[in-house]
Amino acid sequence: MSLSTPPTAADPRRVHVAAGVILREQRVLIARRHAHAHQGGLWEFPGGKLEPGESVISALKRELQEEIGIDIEDAEPLLQIAHDYPDKQVLLDFWTVSAFSGEPQSKEGQALEWCELEDLREREFPEANVPVVDRLLELFEIL
């Protein structure tokens, strides 16, 4: 699942994605991927691809504004995951978003849900997202 040497953002074989783990009390915001998208129909943490020359935090701010209409006020790196699917290689930078302005809303037609942390395992996520779910449950001491 992870590589021994983390790939760089410049690795042309990997899609570099910034994703926000947006927390509110004991809940996290998740979005359902559109059916036609890679890993369609599964739940994910909102975010998107970095543009050339863009920093991870800049991409995260831009993507969360475009996708769900919020402005990040405080965010910290949580986990970086390199994952190889049979048809795609991804480098996912997950950031914990603990403060933001605006109320999340679907700006691209995707379903959004404030999911109780204890219910995360009941949702189906892409394989590359599972370590983030595990880490969140560990951080909040949910077994």
N, C-alpha and C. Protein backbone atom coordinates (compact mmCIF):
# COMPACT_ATOMS: atom_id res chain seq x y z
N MET A 1 0.83 -1.19 0.00
CA MET A 1 0.00 0.00 0.00
C MET A 1 0.87 1.24 0.00
N SER A 2 1.74 1.42 0.98
CA SER A 2 2.65 2.57 1.00
C SER A 2 3.98 2.16 0.43
N LEU A 3 4.71 3.11 -0.06
CA LEU A 3 6.03 2.85 -0.59
C LEU A 3 7.07 3.10 0.49
N SER A 4 8.20 2.41 0.41
CA SER A 4 9.25 2.62 1.41
C SER A 4 9.87 4.00 1.26
N THR A 5 10.00 4.48 0.05
CA THR A 5 10.47 5.84 -0.19
C THR A 5 9.29 6.65 -0.71
N PRO A 6 8.84 7.64 0.06
CA PRO A 6 7.67 8.40 -0.39
C PRO A 6 7.93 9.06 -1.74
N PRO A 7 6.99 8.97 -2.65
CA PRO A 7 7.15 9.64 -3.93
C PRO A 7 7.05 11.14 -3.76
N THR A 8 7.61 11.84 -4.69
CA THR A 8 7.52 13.30 -4.63
C THR A 8 6.33 13.76 -5.46
N ALA A 9 5.94 14.98 -5.23
CA ALA A 9 4.83 15.56 -6.00
C ALA A 9 5.19 15.63 -7.48
N ALA A 10 6.48 15.65 -7.80
CA ALA A 10 6.91 15.77 -9.18
C ALA A 10 6.86 14.43 -9.93
N ASP A 11 6.56 13.35 -9.24
CA ASP A 11 6.48 12.03 -9.86
C ASP A 11 5.33 12.04 -10.86
N PRO A 12 5.62 11.99 -12.16
CA PRO A 12 4.57 12.13 -13.17
C PRO A 12 3.59 10.96 -13.21
N ARG A 13 3.94 9.84 -12.61
CA ARG A 13 3.06 8.68 -12.65
C ARG A 13 1.95 8.75 -11.60
N ARG A 14 2.07 9.65 -10.66
CA ARG A 14 1.11 9.74 -9.56
C ARG A 14 0.23 10.97 -9.67
N VAL A 15 -1.03 10.80 -9.33
CA VAL A 15 -1.95 11.92 -9.21
C VAL A 15 -1.82 12.41 -7.77
N HIS A 16 -1.40 13.67 -7.60
CA HIS A 16 -1.21 14.24 -6.26
C HIS A 16 -2.49 14.94 -5.85
N VAL A 17 -3.04 14.53 -4.70
CA VAL A 17 -4.33 15.03 -4.22
C VAL A 17 -4.18 15.58 -2.81
N ALA A 18 -4.83 16.71 -2.55
CA ALA A 18 -4.94 17.27 -1.20
C ALA A 18 -6.37 17.02 -0.74
N ALA A 19 -6.52 16.45 0.47
CA ALA A 19 -7.85 16.14 0.98
C ALA A 19 -8.00 16.65 2.40
N GLY A 20 -9.19 17.16 2.71
CA GLY A 20 -9.46 17.71 4.03
C GLY A 20 -10.27 16.76 4.90
N VAL A 21 -9.75 16.51 6.09
CA VAL A 21 -10.48 15.77 7.11
C VAL A 21 -11.11 16.84 8.00
N ILE A 22 -12.34 17.19 7.67
CA ILE A 22 -13.01 18.34 8.28
C ILE A 22 -13.80 17.87 9.49
N LEU A 23 -13.36 18.32 10.66
CA LEU A 23 -13.93 17.84 11.91
C LEU A 23 -14.84 18.87 12.56
N ARG A 24 -15.91 18.37 13.15
CA ARG A 24 -16.83 19.18 13.95
C ARG A 24 -17.29 18.26 15.08
N GLU A 25 -16.74 18.52 16.28
CA GLU A 25 -17.01 17.68 17.44
C GLU A 25 -16.62 16.25 17.13
N GLN A 26 -17.51 15.30 17.27
CA GLN A 26 -17.21 13.88 17.02
C GLN A 26 -17.69 13.45 15.63
N ARG A 27 -17.73 14.41 14.69
CA ARG A 27 -18.18 14.11 13.33
C ARG A 27 -17.15 14.57 12.32
N VAL A 28 -17.16 13.94 11.15
CA VAL A 28 -16.27 14.31 10.07
C VAL A 28 -17.10 14.41 8.79
N LEU A 29 -16.76 15.39 7.96
CA LEU A 29 -17.48 15.58 6.70
C LEU A 29 -16.93 14.64 5.64
N ILE A 30 -17.83 13.87 5.03
CA ILE A 30 -17.44 12.98 3.94
C ILE A 30 -18.31 13.28 2.73
N ALA A 31 -17.79 12.94 1.56
CA ALA A 31 -18.49 13.18 0.30
C ALA A 31 -18.52 11.89 -0.50
N ARG A 32 -19.61 11.67 -1.22
CA ARG A 32 -19.70 10.48 -2.08
C ARG A 32 -19.18 10.82 -3.48
N ARG A 33 -18.28 10.00 -3.97
CA ARG A 33 -17.73 10.21 -5.31
C ARG A 33 -18.82 9.97 -6.35
N HIS A 34 -18.82 10.80 -7.40
CA HIS A 34 -19.78 10.62 -8.49
C HIS A 34 -19.58 9.24 -9.11
N ALA A 35 -20.67 8.64 -9.56
CA ALA A 35 -20.66 7.29 -10.11
C ALA A 35 -19.68 7.13 -11.26
N HIS A 36 -19.52 8.16 -12.10
CA HIS A 36 -18.65 8.06 -13.28
C HIS A 36 -17.16 8.27 -12.95
N ALA A 37 -16.85 8.70 -11.73
CA ALA A 37 -15.46 9.00 -11.34
C ALA A 37 -14.72 7.71 -10.96
N HIS A 38 -13.39 7.81 -10.94
CA HIS A 38 -12.56 6.70 -10.43
C HIS A 38 -13.03 6.40 -9.01
N GLN A 39 -13.25 5.13 -8.69
CA GLN A 39 -13.76 4.71 -7.38
C GLN A 39 -15.16 5.30 -7.13
N GLY A 40 -15.92 5.46 -8.19
CA GLY A 40 -17.25 6.07 -8.11
C GLY A 40 -18.19 5.38 -7.14
N GLY A 41 -19.00 6.17 -6.46
CA GLY A 41 -19.98 5.68 -5.51
C GLY A 41 -19.44 5.48 -4.10
N LEU A 42 -18.12 5.54 -3.93
CA LEU A 42 -17.53 5.37 -2.60
C LEU A 42 -17.45 6.72 -1.90
N TRP A 43 -17.34 6.66 -0.58
CA TRP A 43 -17.19 7.88 0.21
C TRP A 43 -15.74 8.30 0.26
N GLU A 44 -15.49 9.59 0.42
CA GLU A 44 -14.14 10.11 0.48
C GLU A 44 -14.12 11.36 1.35
N PHE A 45 -12.91 11.85 1.60
CA PHE A 45 -12.72 13.11 2.28
C PHE A 45 -12.56 14.17 1.19
N PRO A 46 -13.28 15.29 1.26
CA PRO A 46 -13.28 16.28 0.18
C PRO A 46 -11.88 16.81 -0.15
N GLY A 47 -11.66 17.10 -1.41
CA GLY A 47 -10.39 17.64 -1.87
C GLY A 47 -10.25 17.43 -3.36
N GLY A 48 -9.01 17.56 -3.84
CA GLY A 48 -8.80 17.37 -5.27
C GLY A 48 -7.34 17.50 -5.65
N LYS A 49 -7.11 17.40 -6.96
CA LYS A 49 -5.76 17.37 -7.51
C LYS A 49 -5.05 18.71 -7.39
N LEU A 50 -3.74 18.62 -7.17
CA LEU A 50 -2.89 19.80 -7.18
C LEU A 50 -2.67 20.23 -8.63
N GLU A 51 -2.63 21.53 -8.85
CA GLU A 51 -2.27 22.06 -10.16
C GLU A 51 -0.75 22.17 -10.21
N PRO A 52 -0.14 22.19 -11.40
CA PRO A 52 1.32 22.30 -11.50
C PRO A 52 1.85 23.51 -10.72
N GLY A 53 2.86 23.27 -9.89
CA GLY A 53 3.50 24.33 -9.12
C GLY A 53 2.74 24.75 -7.87
N GLU A 54 1.60 24.14 -7.60
CA GLU A 54 0.77 24.52 -6.46
C GLU A 54 1.21 23.77 -5.20
N SER A 55 1.21 24.44 -4.06
CA SER A 55 1.52 23.77 -2.79
C SER A 55 0.30 22.97 -2.34
N VAL A 56 0.53 22.02 -1.45
CA VAL A 56 -0.57 21.19 -0.95
C VAL A 56 -1.61 22.05 -0.23
N ILE A 57 -1.18 22.94 0.64
CA ILE A 57 -2.14 23.76 1.39
C ILE A 57 -2.92 24.70 0.46
N SER A 58 -2.25 25.24 -0.56
CA SER A 58 -2.96 26.09 -1.53
C SER A 58 -4.01 25.29 -2.29
N ALA A 59 -3.65 24.07 -2.68
CA ALA A 59 -4.61 23.20 -3.39
C ALA A 59 -5.78 22.85 -2.49
N LEU A 60 -5.49 22.55 -1.22
CA LEU A 60 -6.55 22.20 -0.29
C LEU A 60 -7.52 23.37 -0.12
N LYS A 61 -6.99 24.56 0.07
CA LYS A 61 -7.85 25.75 0.21
C LYS A 61 -8.70 25.96 -1.03
N ARG A 62 -8.08 25.87 -2.20
CA ARG A 62 -8.81 26.08 -3.46
C ARG A 62 -9.88 25.01 -3.65
N GLU A 63 -9.52 23.76 -3.47
CA GLU A 63 -10.45 22.66 -3.70
C GLU A 63 -11.64 22.70 -2.74
N LEU A 64 -11.38 22.99 -1.47
CA LEU A 64 -12.50 23.03 -0.51
C LEU A 64 -13.42 24.21 -0.77
N GLN A 65 -12.87 25.31 -1.27
CA GLN A 65 -13.71 26.45 -1.64
C GLN A 65 -14.55 26.07 -2.87
N GLU A 66 -13.92 25.46 -3.88
CA GLU A 66 -14.64 25.10 -5.11
C GLU A 66 -15.68 24.02 -4.88
N GLU A 67 -15.33 22.99 -4.10
CA GLU A 67 -16.21 21.82 -3.93
C GLU A 67 -17.32 22.03 -2.92
N ILE A 68 -16.97 22.64 -1.76
CA ILE A 68 -17.96 22.70 -0.69
C ILE A 68 -18.15 24.10 -0.10
N GLY A 69 -17.48 25.10 -0.66
CA GLY A 69 -17.74 26.49 -0.29
C GLY A 69 -17.26 26.92 1.08
N ILE A 70 -16.19 26.30 1.59
CA ILE A 70 -15.67 26.75 2.88
C ILE A 70 -14.27 27.35 2.70
N ASP A 71 -13.91 28.22 3.65
CA ASP A 71 -12.57 28.81 3.69
C ASP A 71 -11.86 28.27 4.92
N ILE A 72 -10.71 27.66 4.71
CA ILE A 72 -9.93 27.07 5.80
C ILE A 72 -9.32 28.18 6.65
N GLU A 73 -9.47 28.05 7.96
CA GLU A 73 -8.84 28.97 8.91
C GLU A 73 -7.70 28.30 9.66
N ASP A 74 -7.80 26.98 9.86
CA ASP A 74 -6.74 26.24 10.54
C ASP A 74 -6.71 24.81 10.02
N ALA A 75 -5.53 24.36 9.59
CA ALA A 75 -5.36 23.01 9.08
C ALA A 75 -3.94 22.54 9.37
N GLU A 76 -3.81 21.24 9.62
CA GLU A 76 -2.50 20.64 9.88
C GLU A 76 -2.38 19.34 9.11
N PRO A 77 -1.16 19.00 8.65
CA PRO A 77 -0.98 17.71 7.97
C PRO A 77 -1.35 16.55 8.91
N LEU A 78 -2.03 15.56 8.36
CA LEU A 78 -2.43 14.39 9.13
C LEU A 78 -1.69 13.15 8.68
N LEU A 79 -1.73 12.87 7.38
CA LEU A 79 -1.18 11.63 6.85
C LEU A 79 -0.96 11.78 5.36
N GLN A 80 0.14 11.18 4.87
CA GLN A 80 0.39 11.14 3.43
C GLN A 80 0.42 9.67 3.03
N ILE A 81 -0.34 9.35 1.99
CA ILE A 81 -0.46 7.97 1.56
C ILE A 81 -0.19 7.86 0.07
N ALA A 82 0.73 6.99 -0.29
CA ALA A 82 0.95 6.64 -1.69
C ALA A 82 0.27 5.29 -1.90
N HIS A 83 -0.56 5.22 -2.92
CA HIS A 83 -1.31 3.98 -3.14
C HIS A 83 -1.38 3.69 -4.64
N ASP A 84 -1.23 2.42 -4.98
CA ASP A 84 -1.32 1.99 -6.37
C ASP A 84 -2.59 1.18 -6.57
N TYR A 85 -3.51 1.73 -7.34
CA TYR A 85 -4.67 0.98 -7.80
C TYR A 85 -4.24 0.29 -9.09
N PRO A 86 -4.98 -0.69 -9.57
CA PRO A 86 -4.59 -1.33 -10.84
C PRO A 86 -4.53 -0.34 -12.00
N ASP A 87 -5.38 0.69 -11.96
CA ASP A 87 -5.48 1.63 -13.09
C ASP A 87 -4.96 3.03 -12.79
N LYS A 88 -4.49 3.27 -11.57
CA LYS A 88 -4.08 4.63 -11.23
C LYS A 88 -3.17 4.61 -10.00
N GLN A 89 -2.21 5.53 -9.98
CA GLN A 89 -1.33 5.70 -8.82
C GLN A 89 -1.63 7.07 -8.21
N VAL A 90 -1.81 7.10 -6.89
CA VAL A 90 -2.15 8.35 -6.22
C VAL A 90 -1.19 8.63 -5.07
N LEU A 91 -1.01 9.91 -4.81
CA LEU A 91 -0.31 10.40 -3.63
C LEU A 91 -1.31 11.32 -2.94
N LEU A 92 -1.80 10.88 -1.78
CA LEU A 92 -2.84 11.61 -1.07
C LEU A 92 -2.27 12.30 0.15
N ASP A 93 -2.45 13.60 0.21
CA ASP A 93 -2.05 14.41 1.36
C ASP A 93 -3.31 14.76 2.13
N PHE A 94 -3.50 14.15 3.29
CA PHE A 94 -4.66 14.41 4.13
C PHE A 94 -4.30 15.43 5.19
N TRP A 95 -5.14 16.44 5.34
CA TRP A 95 -4.96 17.50 6.34
C TRP A 95 -6.18 17.55 7.23
N THR A 96 -5.96 17.70 8.52
CA THR A 96 -7.04 17.91 9.46
C THR A 96 -7.44 19.38 9.42
N VAL A 97 -8.69 19.65 9.13
CA VAL A 97 -9.22 21.01 9.10
C VAL A 97 -10.05 21.18 10.38
N SER A 98 -9.52 21.98 11.31
CA SER A 98 -10.18 22.13 12.60
C SER A 98 -10.95 23.44 12.72
N ALA A 99 -10.70 24.39 11.83
CA ALA A 99 -11.44 25.66 11.84
C ALA A 99 -11.63 26.12 10.40
N PHE A 100 -12.86 26.56 10.12
CA PHE A 100 -13.18 27.05 8.77
C PHE A 100 -14.36 28.00 8.88
N SER A 101 -14.53 28.80 7.84
CA SER A 101 -15.70 29.67 7.78
C SER A 101 -16.57 29.21 6.62
N GLY A 102 -17.85 29.49 6.75
CA GLY A 102 -18.81 29.02 5.76
C GLY A 102 -19.42 27.71 6.22
N GLU A 103 -20.54 27.37 5.62
CA GLU A 103 -21.20 26.10 5.93
C GLU A 103 -21.04 25.18 4.73
N PRO A 104 -20.45 23.99 4.91
CA PRO A 104 -20.23 23.09 3.77
C PRO A 104 -21.53 22.80 3.03
N GLN A 105 -21.43 22.91 1.71
CA GLN A 105 -22.56 22.59 0.85
C GLN A 105 -22.02 21.98 -0.43
N SER A 106 -22.80 21.14 -1.04
CA SER A 106 -22.39 20.48 -2.27
C SER A 106 -22.44 21.48 -3.42
N LYS A 107 -21.28 21.87 -3.94
CA LYS A 107 -21.23 22.80 -5.06
C LYS A 107 -21.01 22.08 -6.39
N GLU A 108 -20.74 20.75 -6.32
CA GLU A 108 -20.49 19.98 -7.53
C GLU A 108 -21.44 18.79 -7.65
N GLY A 109 -22.54 18.83 -6.89
CA GLY A 109 -23.55 17.79 -7.00
C GLY A 109 -23.27 16.51 -6.24
N GLN A 110 -22.21 16.47 -5.45
CA GLN A 110 -21.90 15.26 -4.70
C GLN A 110 -22.67 15.24 -3.38
N ALA A 111 -23.00 14.05 -2.90
CA ALA A 111 -23.66 13.92 -1.60
C ALA A 111 -22.64 14.22 -0.50
N LEU A 112 -23.06 14.99 0.51
CA LEU A 112 -22.22 15.28 1.67
C LEU A 112 -22.91 14.75 2.91
N GLU A 113 -22.10 14.34 3.88
CA GLU A 113 -22.66 13.84 5.13
C GLU A 113 -21.70 14.15 6.28
N TRP A 114 -22.27 14.65 7.38
CA TRP A 114 -21.51 14.76 8.63
C TRP A 114 -21.65 13.39 9.29
N CYS A 115 -20.60 12.61 9.24
CA CYS A 115 -20.62 11.24 9.73
C CYS A 115 -20.04 11.17 11.14
N GLU A 116 -20.76 10.53 12.05
CA GLU A 116 -20.22 10.29 13.38
C GLU A 116 -18.96 9.45 13.22
N LEU A 117 -17.91 9.80 13.95
CA LEU A 117 -16.66 9.05 13.84
C LEU A 117 -16.87 7.57 14.09
N GLU A 118 -17.70 7.24 15.05
CA GLU A 118 -17.92 5.83 15.37
C GLU A 118 -18.62 5.07 14.25
N ASP A 119 -19.22 5.78 13.29
CA ASP A 119 -19.91 5.15 12.16
C ASP A 119 -19.06 5.09 10.89
N LEU A 120 -17.84 5.57 10.92
CA LEU A 120 -17.01 5.62 9.71
C LEU A 120 -16.80 4.25 9.07
N ARG A 121 -16.62 3.24 9.87
CA ARG A 121 -16.37 1.89 9.32
C ARG A 121 -17.59 1.33 8.59
N GLU A 122 -18.75 1.94 8.78
CA GLU A 122 -19.96 1.49 8.08
C GLU A 122 -20.03 2.05 6.67
N ARG A 123 -19.20 3.04 6.36
CA ARG A 123 -19.17 3.64 5.02
C ARG A 123 -18.10 2.95 4.19
N GLU A 124 -18.32 2.89 2.90
CA GLU A 124 -17.35 2.26 2.01
C GLU A 124 -16.47 3.34 1.38
N PHE A 125 -15.16 3.27 1.66
CA PHE A 125 -14.17 4.23 1.17
C PHE A 125 -13.26 3.56 0.16
N PRO A 126 -12.61 4.33 -0.72
CA PRO A 126 -11.55 3.76 -1.55
C PRO A 126 -10.46 3.18 -0.65
N GLU A 127 -9.83 2.14 -1.11
CA GLU A 127 -8.80 1.45 -0.32
C GLU A 127 -7.74 2.40 0.22
N ALA A 128 -7.35 3.41 -0.55
CA ALA A 128 -6.31 4.34 -0.13
C ALA A 128 -6.75 5.22 1.04
N ASN A 129 -8.04 5.32 1.30
CA ASN A 129 -8.56 6.14 2.40
C ASN A 129 -8.66 5.40 3.73
N VAL A 130 -8.58 4.08 3.70
CA VAL A 130 -8.77 3.28 4.91
C VAL A 130 -7.76 3.64 6.01
N PRO A 131 -6.48 3.88 5.71
CA PRO A 131 -5.57 4.27 6.79
C PRO A 131 -5.96 5.58 7.49
N VAL A 132 -6.63 6.46 6.78
CA VAL A 132 -7.09 7.72 7.40
C VAL A 132 -8.23 7.43 8.37
N VAL A 133 -9.15 6.57 7.97
CA VAL A 133 -10.24 6.17 8.86
C VAL A 133 -9.65 5.54 10.11
N ASP A 134 -8.71 4.63 9.94
CA ASP A 134 -8.05 3.97 11.08
C ASP A 134 -7.38 5.00 11.99
N ARG A 135 -6.68 5.97 11.40
CA ARG A 135 -5.97 6.98 12.18
C ARG A 135 -6.95 7.86 12.97
N LEU A 136 -8.04 8.25 12.35
CA LEU A 136 -9.04 9.07 13.05
C LEU A 136 -9.62 8.32 14.25
N LEU A 137 -9.96 7.06 14.04
CA LEU A 137 -10.52 6.28 15.14
C LEU A 137 -9.51 6.09 16.26
N GLU A 138 -8.26 5.95 15.88
CA GLU A 138 -7.19 5.85 16.88
C GLU A 138 -7.03 7.16 17.65
N LEU A 139 -7.00 8.28 16.94
CA LEU A 139 -6.84 9.58 17.59
C LEU A 139 -7.96 9.88 18.56
N PHE A 140 -9.18 9.49 18.21
CA PHE A 140 -10.33 9.76 19.06
C PHE A 140 -10.66 8.58 19.97
N GLU A 141 -9.76 7.60 20.00
CA GLU A 141 -9.87 6.43 20.87
C GLU A 141 -11.22 5.71 20.71
N ILE A 142 -11.59 5.51 19.43
CA ILE A 142 -12.80 4.77 19.10
C ILE A 142 -12.35 3.42 18.58
N LEU A 143 -12.79 2.37 19.24
CA LEU A 143 -12.36 1.02 18.83
C LEU A 143 -13.33 0.35 17.91
